[in-house]
C-alpha atoms as a PDB file:
ATOM      1  CA  MET A   1      -3.160  -5.082  27.177  1.00  0.00           C
ATOM      2  CA  ILE A   2      -3.143  -4.143  23.483  1.00  0.00           C
ATOM      3  CA  ASP A   3      -4.258  -0.581  22.763  1.00  0.00           C
ATOM      4  CA  ILE A   4      -6.407  -0.609  19.602  1.00  0.00           C
ATOM      5  CA  PRO A   5      -7.945   2.551  18.082  1.00  0.00           C
ATOM      6  CA  ASP A   6     -11.616   2.716  17.145  1.00  0.00           C
ATOM      7  CA  ILE A   7     -11.582   1.395  13.576  1.00  0.00           C
ATOM      8  CA  ASN A   8     -15.238   2.361  13.082  1.00  0.00           C
ATOM      9  CA  LEU A   9     -14.134   6.004  12.869  1.00  0.00           C
ATOM     10  CA  LEU A  10     -12.524   5.232   9.507  1.00  0.00           C
ATOM     11  CA  ASN A  11     -16.002   4.683   8.063  1.00  0.00           C
ATOM     12  CA  LYS A  12     -16.750   8.365   8.719  1.00  0.00           C
ATOM     13  CA  MET A  13     -13.391  10.134   8.666  1.00  0.00           C
ATOM     14  CA  ASP A  14     -10.484  10.266   6.243  1.00  0.00           C
ATOM     15  CA  PRO A  15      -7.069  10.231   7.945  1.00  0.00           C
ATOM     16  CA  ALA A  16      -5.038  13.416   7.506  1.00  0.00           C
ATOM     17  CA  ILE A  17      -1.751  11.827   8.533  1.00  0.00           C
ATOM     18  CA  SER A  18      -0.306   8.368   9.220  1.00  0.00           C
ATOM     19  CA  SER A  19       2.030   6.908  11.799  1.00  0.00           C
ATOM     20  CA  PHE A  20       4.628   6.183   9.097  1.00  0.00           C
ATOM     21  CA  MET A  21       4.557   9.841   8.025  1.00  0.00           C
ATOM     22  CA  LEU A  22       5.239  10.900  11.607  1.00  0.00           C
ATOM     23  CA  SER A  23       8.194   8.491  11.699  1.00  0.00           C
ATOM     24  CA  ASP A  24       9.664   9.634   8.368  1.00  0.00           C
ATOM     25  CA  SER A  25      12.890  11.592   8.801  1.00  0.00           C
ATOM     26  CA  ASN A  26      12.528  12.935   5.223  1.00  0.00           C
ATOM     27  CA  LEU A  27       9.532  15.015   6.261  1.00  0.00           C
ATOM     28  CA  LYS A  28       9.855  18.331   8.068  1.00  0.00           C
ATOM     29  CA  HIS A  29       7.976  17.686  11.290  1.00  0.00           C
ATOM     30  CA  ASN A  30       7.493  21.367  12.076  1.00  0.00           C
ATOM     31  CA  ASN A  31       5.583  21.646   8.794  1.00  0.00           C
ATOM     32  CA  MET A  32       4.132  18.145   8.386  1.00  0.00           C
ATOM     33  CA  PRO A  33       2.046  17.847   5.188  1.00  0.00           C
ATOM     34  CA  ASN A  34      -1.483  16.493   5.437  1.00  0.00           C
ATOM     35  CA  ILE A  35      -2.750  13.741   3.151  1.00  0.00           C
ATOM     36  CA  HIS A  36      -4.831  15.131   0.291  1.00  0.00           C
ATOM     37  CA  PHE A  37      -7.419  12.347   0.438  1.00  0.00           C
ATOM     38  CA  VAL A  38      -8.861  11.196  -2.889  1.00  0.00           C
ATOM     39  CA  ALA A  39     -12.018   9.063  -3.174  1.00  0.00           C
ATOM     40  CA  LEU A  40     -11.605   5.708  -4.890  1.00  0.00           C
ATOM     41  CA  ASP A  41     -13.883   6.688  -7.782  1.00  0.00           C
ATOM     42  CA  LYS A  42     -11.596   9.681  -8.471  1.00  0.00           C
ATOM     43  CA  ILE A  43      -8.525   7.469  -8.855  1.00  0.00           C
ATOM     44  CA  SER A  44      -7.628   5.971 -12.218  1.00  0.00           C
ATOM     45  CA  PRO A  45      -8.723   2.303 -12.359  1.00  0.00           C
ATOM     46  CA  HIS A  46      -5.328   1.653 -13.961  1.00  0.00           C
ATOM     47  CA  LEU A  47      -3.674   2.477 -10.630  1.00  0.00           C
ATOM     48  CA  THR A  48      -6.102   0.391  -8.601  1.00  0.00           C
ATOM     49  CA  LYS A  49      -5.394  -2.637 -10.786  1.00  0.00           C
ATOM     50  CA  ALA A  50      -1.638  -2.023 -10.949  1.00  0.00           C
ATOM     51  CA  VAL A  51      -1.351  -1.796  -7.157  1.00  0.00           C
ATOM     52  CA  LEU A  52      -3.446  -4.917  -6.631  1.00  0.00           C
ATOM     53  CA  SER A  53      -1.339  -6.771  -9.186  1.00  0.00           C
ATOM     54  CA  ALA A  54       1.918  -5.712  -7.561  1.00  0.00           C
ATOM     55  CA  GLU A  55       0.998  -5.915  -3.892  1.00  0.00           C
ATOM     56  CA  ASP A  56      -1.946  -8.246  -3.292  1.00  0.00           C
ATOM     57  CA  ASP A  57      -3.667  -9.910  -6.247  1.00  0.00           C
ATOM     58  CA  MET A  58      -5.861 -11.997  -3.908  1.00  0.00           C
ATOM     59  CA  PHE A  59      -7.062  -8.950  -1.967  1.00  0.00           C
ATOM     60  CA  PHE A  60     -10.756  -9.458  -2.711  1.00  0.00           C
ATOM     61  CA  LEU A  61     -10.607 -13.169  -1.816  1.00  0.00           C
ATOM     62  CA  HIS A  62      -8.768 -13.276   1.512  1.00  0.00           C
ATOM     63  CA  HIS A  63      -9.824 -11.948   4.925  1.00  0.00           C
ATOM     64  CA  GLY A  64      -6.776  -9.874   5.701  1.00  0.00           C
ATOM     65  CA  PHE A  65      -4.114 -12.571   5.673  1.00  0.00           C
ATOM     66  CA  ASN A  66      -2.776 -14.584   2.759  1.00  0.00           C
ATOM     67  CA  TRP A  67      -1.698 -17.654   4.686  1.00  0.00           C
ATOM     68  CA  GLU A  68      -0.357 -19.473   1.635  1.00  0.00           C
ATOM     69  CA  GLU A  69       1.995 -16.598   0.771  1.00  0.00           C
ATOM     70  CA  MET A  70       3.000 -16.221   4.422  1.00  0.00           C
ATOM     71  CA  ILE A  71       4.064 -19.871   4.563  1.00  0.00           C
ATOM     72  CA  LYS A  72       6.020 -19.493   1.303  1.00  0.00           C
ATOM     73  CA  ALA A  73       7.766 -16.405   2.672  1.00  0.00           C
ATOM     74  CA  LEU A  74       8.605 -18.174   5.935  1.00  0.00           C
ATOM     75  CA  ARG A  75      10.146 -21.120   4.100  1.00  0.00           C
ATOM     76  CA  PHE A  76      12.125 -18.805   1.803  1.00  0.00           C
ATOM     77  CA  ASN A  77      13.445 -16.728   4.715  1.00  0.00           C
ATOM     78  CA  LEU A  78      14.393 -19.794   6.708  1.00  0.00           C
ATOM     79  CA  LYS A  79      16.302 -21.125   3.714  1.00  0.00           C
ATOM     80  CA  LYS A  80      18.125 -17.803   3.198  1.00  0.00           C
ATOM     81  CA  LYS A  81      18.477 -17.251   6.960  1.00  0.00           C
ATOM     82  CA  LYS A  82      17.401 -13.658   6.401  1.00  0.00           C
ATOM     83  CA  LEU A  83      14.161 -11.670   6.202  1.00  0.00           C
ATOM     84  CA  LYS A  84      14.378 -11.373   2.422  1.00  0.00           C
ATOM     85  CA  ARG A  85      10.738 -11.901   1.484  1.00  0.00           C
ATOM     86  CA  GLY A  86       7.516 -10.513   2.898  1.00  0.00           C
ATOM     87  CA  ALA A  87       3.901 -11.553   2.429  1.00  0.00           C
ATOM     88  CA  SER A  88       1.917  -8.633   3.816  1.00  0.00           C
ATOM     89  CA  THR A  89      -1.526  -8.047   2.366  1.00  0.00           C
ATOM     90  CA  ILE A  90      -2.826  -4.576   1.593  1.00  0.00           C
ATOM     91  CA  THR A  91      -4.912  -4.724   4.774  1.00  0.00           C
ATOM     92  CA  GLN A  92      -1.838  -5.511   6.862  1.00  0.00           C
ATOM     93  CA  GLN A  93      -0.014  -2.615   5.246  1.00  0.00           C
ATOM     94  CA  VAL A  94      -2.879  -0.243   6.068  1.00  0.00           C
ATOM     95  CA  ALA A  95      -2.783  -1.398   9.695  1.00  0.00           C
ATOM     96  CA  ARG A  96       0.986  -0.937   9.842  1.00  0.00           C
ATOM     97  CA  ASN A  97       1.300   2.353   7.972  1.00  0.00           C
ATOM     98  CA  LEU A  98      -1.668   4.099   9.527  1.00  0.00           C
ATOM     99  CA  PHE A  99      -1.243   3.118  13.173  1.00  0.00           C
ATOM    100  CA  LEU A 100       2.168   1.597  13.919  1.00  0.00           C
ATOM    101  CA  LYS A 101       5.806   2.618  14.079  1.00  0.00           C
ATOM    102  CA  PRO A 102       8.205   0.989  11.576  1.00  0.00           C
ATOM    103  CA  ASP A 103       9.917  -1.332  14.033  1.00  0.00           C
ATOM    104  CA  LYS A 104       9.990  -5.125  14.009  1.00  0.00           C
ATOM    105  CA  SER A 105       9.144  -6.007  17.590  1.00  0.00           C
ATOM    106  CA  LEU A 106       6.920  -8.945  18.477  1.00  0.00           C
ATOM    107  CA  PHE A 107       4.464  -6.601  20.211  1.00  0.00           C
ATOM    108  CA  ARG A 108       4.127  -4.502  17.051  1.00  0.00           C
ATOM    109  CA  LYS A 109       3.435  -7.635  14.997  1.00  0.00           C
ATOM    110  CA  LEU A 110       0.747  -8.635  17.485  1.00  0.00           C
ATOM    111  CA  ARG A 111      -0.887  -5.203  17.225  1.00  0.00           C
ATOM    112  CA  GLU A 112      -0.693  -5.443  13.430  1.00  0.00           C
ATOM    113  CA  PHE A 113      -2.481  -8.801  13.538  1.00  0.00           C
ATOM    114  CA  VAL A 114      -5.301  -7.442  15.710  1.00  0.00           C
ATOM    115  CA  LEU A 115      -5.637  -4.245  13.676  1.00  0.00           C
ATOM    116  CA  THR A 116      -5.762  -6.213  10.424  1.00  0.00           C
ATOM    117  CA  TYR A 117      -8.560  -8.380  11.790  1.00  0.00           C
ATOM    118  CA  GLN A 118     -10.471  -5.270  12.924  1.00  0.00           C
ATOM    119  CA  LEU A 119     -10.036  -3.506   9.579  1.00  0.00           C
ATOM    120  CA  GLU A 120     -11.363  -6.501   7.666  1.00  0.00           C
ATOM    121  CA  ASN A 121     -14.365  -6.856   9.945  1.00  0.00           C
ATOM    122  CA  LYS A 122     -15.378  -3.207  10.276  1.00  0.00           C
ATOM    123  CA  LEU A 123     -14.570  -1.747   6.852  1.00  0.00           C
ATOM    124  CA  THR A 124     -15.427  -2.756   3.307  1.00  0.00           C
ATOM    125  CA  LYS A 125     -12.711  -3.995   0.982  1.00  0.00           C
ATOM    126  CA  LYS A 126     -13.112  -0.893  -1.151  1.00  0.00           C
ATOM    127  CA  ARG A 127     -12.636   1.377   1.865  1.00  0.00           C
ATOM    128  CA  ILE A 128      -9.476  -0.498   2.851  1.00  0.00           C
ATOM    129  CA  LEU A 129      -8.147  -0.168  -0.696  1.00  0.00           C
ATOM    130  CA  GLU A 130      -9.050   3.538  -0.742  1.00  0.00           C
ATOM    131  CA  LEU A 131      -7.180   4.046   2.533  1.00  0.00           C
ATOM    132  CA  TYR A 132      -4.148   2.209   1.215  1.00  0.00           C
ATOM    133  CA  LEU A 133      -3.891   4.305  -1.944  1.00  0.00           C
ATOM    134  CA  ASN A 134      -4.078   7.472   0.135  1.00  0.00           C
ATOM    135  CA  ILE A 135      -1.462   6.589   2.771  1.00  0.00           C
ATOM    136  CA  ALA A 136       1.061   4.453   0.848  1.00  0.00           C
ATOM    137  CA  GLU A 137       4.492   5.947   0.199  1.00  0.00           C
ATOM    138  CA  PHE A 138       5.149   6.292  -3.540  1.00  0.00           C
ATOM    139  CA  GLY A 139       8.561   7.931  -3.368  1.00  0.00           C
ATOM    140  CA  PRO A 140      10.914   9.500  -0.791  1.00  0.00           C
ATOM    141  CA  GLY A 141       8.479  11.308   1.516  1.00  0.00           C
ATOM    142  CA  ILE A 142       5.699  11.142  -1.112  1.00  0.00           C
ATOM    143  CA  TYR A 143       2.582   9.859   0.657  1.00  0.00           C
ATOM    144  CA  GLY A 144      -0.749   9.202  -1.007  1.00  0.00           C
ATOM    145  CA  VAL A 145      -1.951   9.006  -4.576  1.00  0.00           C
ATOM    146  CA  ALA A 146      -2.542  12.761  -4.932  1.00  0.00           C
ATOM    147  CA  ALA A 147       1.028  13.677  -3.985  1.00  0.00           C
ATOM    148  CA  ALA A 148       2.412  10.762  -6.020  1.00  0.00           C
ATOM    149  CA  SER A 149       0.546  11.646  -9.215  1.00  0.00           C
ATOM    150  CA  ASN A 150       1.727  15.230  -8.971  1.00  0.00           C
ATOM    151  CA  TYR A 151       5.326  14.420  -8.008  1.00  0.00           C
ATOM    152  CA  HIS A 152       5.932  11.774 -10.665  1.00  0.00           C
ATOM    153  CA  PHE A 153       3.795  13.042 -13.564  1.00  0.00           C
ATOM    154  CA  LYS A 154       2.242  16.448 -12.719  1.00  0.00           C
ATOM    155  CA  LEU A 155      -1.182  14.839 -13.129  1.00  0.00           C
ATOM    156  CA  LYS A 156      -4.313  14.238 -11.084  1.00  0.00           C
ATOM    157  CA  PRO A 157      -4.913  10.653  -9.870  1.00  0.00           C
ATOM    158  CA  SER A 158      -7.804  10.280 -12.312  1.00  0.00           C
ATOM    159  CA  GLN A 159      -5.528  11.023 -15.295  1.00  0.00           C
ATOM    160  CA  LEU A 160      -2.968   8.242 -14.867  1.00  0.00           C
ATOM    161  CA  THR A 161      -2.363   5.895 -17.802  1.00  0.00           C
ATOM    162  CA  ALA A 162      -1.671   2.182 -17.423  1.00  0.00           C
ATOM    163  CA  ALA A 163       2.090   2.704 -17.866  1.00  0.00           C
ATOM    164  CA  GLN A 164       2.166   5.532 -15.336  1.00  0.00           C
ATOM    165  CA  ALA A 165       0.100   3.520 -12.869  1.00  0.00           C
ATOM    166  CA  ALA A 166       2.454   0.558 -13.271  1.00  0.00           C
ATOM    167  CA  LEU A 167       5.434   2.767 -12.491  1.00  0.00           C
ATOM    168  CA  LEU A 168       3.789   4.044  -9.303  1.00  0.00           C
ATOM    169  CA  ALA A 169       2.999   0.482  -8.249  1.00  0.00           C
ATOM    170  CA  ALA A 170       6.577  -0.527  -9.064  1.00  0.00           C
ATOM    171  CA  VAL A 171       8.054   1.773  -6.417  1.00  0.00           C
ATOM    172  CA  LEU A 172       5.925   0.490  -3.507  1.00  0.00           C
ATOM    173  CA  PRO A 173       8.245  -2.172  -2.028  1.00  0.00           C
ATOM    174  CA  LYS A 174      11.102   0.328  -1.544  1.00  0.00           C
ATOM    175  CA  PRO A 175       9.692   3.801  -2.267  1.00  0.00           C
ATOM    176  CA  LYS A 176      12.706   5.742  -1.055  1.00  0.00           C
ATOM    177  CA  LYS A 177      14.944   3.784  -3.443  1.00  0.00           C
ATOM    178  CA  TYR A 178      12.695   2.768  -6.354  1.00  0.00           C
ATOM    179  CA  GLY A 179      10.782   6.074  -6.403  1.00  0.00           C
ATOM    180  CA  LYS A 180      13.769   8.398  -6.322  1.00  0.00           C
ATOM    181  CA  LYS A 181      14.509  10.301  -9.525  1.00  0.00           C
ATOM    182  CA  PRO A 182      16.256   9.389 -11.749  1.00  0.00           C
ATOM    183  CA  TYR A 183      14.607   6.007 -11.351  1.00  0.00           C
ATOM    184  CA  PRO A 184      16.888   2.976 -11.020  1.00  0.00           C
ATOM    185  CA  ASN A 185      16.669   0.239 -13.660  1.00  0.00           C
ATOM    186  CA  ILE A 186      14.820  -2.074 -11.272  1.00  0.00           C
ATOM    187  CA  THR A 187      11.879   0.371 -11.214  1.00  0.00           C
ATOM    188  CA  PHE A 188      11.423   0.079 -14.982  1.00  0.00           C
ATOM    189  CA  SER A 189      11.887  -3.703 -14.802  1.00  0.00           C
ATOM    190  CA  ARG A 190       9.149  -3.940 -12.173  1.00  0.00           C
ATOM    191  CA  GLN A 191       6.952  -1.618 -14.243  1.00  0.00           C
ATOM    192  CA  LYS A 192       7.180  -3.981 -17.220  1.00  0.00           C
ATOM    193  CA  ASP A 193       6.424  -6.978 -15.021  1.00  0.00           C
ATOM    194  CA  ILE A 194       3.308  -5.282 -13.599  1.00  0.00           C
ATOM    195  CA  LEU A 195       2.060  -4.382 -17.084  1.00  0.00           C
ATOM    196  CA  TYR A 196       2.503  -8.033 -18.088  1.00  0.00           C
ATOM    197  CA  ARG A 197       0.552  -9.162 -15.024  1.00  0.00           C
ATOM    198  CA  LEU A 198      -2.263  -6.767 -15.840  1.00  0.00           C
ATOM    199  CA  ALA A 199      -2.545  -8.237 -19.317  1.00  0.00           C
ATOM    200  CA  HIS A 200      -2.344 -11.911 -18.333  1.00  0.00           C
ATOM    201  CA  TYR A 201      -3.643 -12.513 -14.807  1.00  0.00           C
ATOM    202  CA  ASP A 202      -7.052 -12.345 -13.114  1.00  0.00           C
ATOM    203  CA  LEU A 203      -7.197  -9.949 -10.151  1.00  0.00           C
ATOM    204  CA  HIS A 204     -10.598 -11.301  -8.989  1.00  0.00           C
ATOM    205  CA  LEU A 205     -12.059  -7.790  -9.011  1.00  0.00           C
ATOM    206  CA  PRO A 206     -15.704  -7.070  -8.161  1.00  0.00           C
ATOM    207  CA  LEU A 207     -17.756  -6.108 -11.209  1.00  0.00           C
ATOM    208  CA  ASP A 208     -17.798  -2.381 -10.459  1.00  0.00           C
ATOM    209  CA  LEU A 209     -13.997  -2.235 -10.442  1.00  0.00           C
ATOM    210  CA  LYS A 210     -13.421  -4.168 -13.672  1.00  0.00           C
END
């Protein structure tokens, strides 16, 4: 039997900690920091768009799973004979980071699938995005947009520029490597790519996020 938490609670409560934080050896577990939760309308729209561009540009069109990208990733990995490419949506990442341990067992993947389905059916897209921005790791042991904005730029989330937002989004695939100061060259390369995407591609945003 698959143990699934009550997702409806996330409509009323903001999480103070995530499963990935509890599993992070970089954090001092006898003094575990809580997430300083920031409402979506208090986060710079530059960051919202940069993260969507980098992580899931079809977020507002799919229902939790981007099957086309998953098939592409499967073909690529089979060709390379390694797990080199992922295709997780933002919703899948929320399910994984908030509730699951960072292992790669089949049972964990099954729980992730069920949790993703529940998140998409019980929360709004904006709430899922808000959760993601507040629990994602943006550097070594730096969880959530409030901690990230302060750590990288000494700013509030609402004050981020497009370039700063693109840099934060650039570290997401490998935050402990790409978000460590001094930043590696690949972080700046990804930042430039995200800024290009923001200028040239449609993110299919709802009107109140454009």
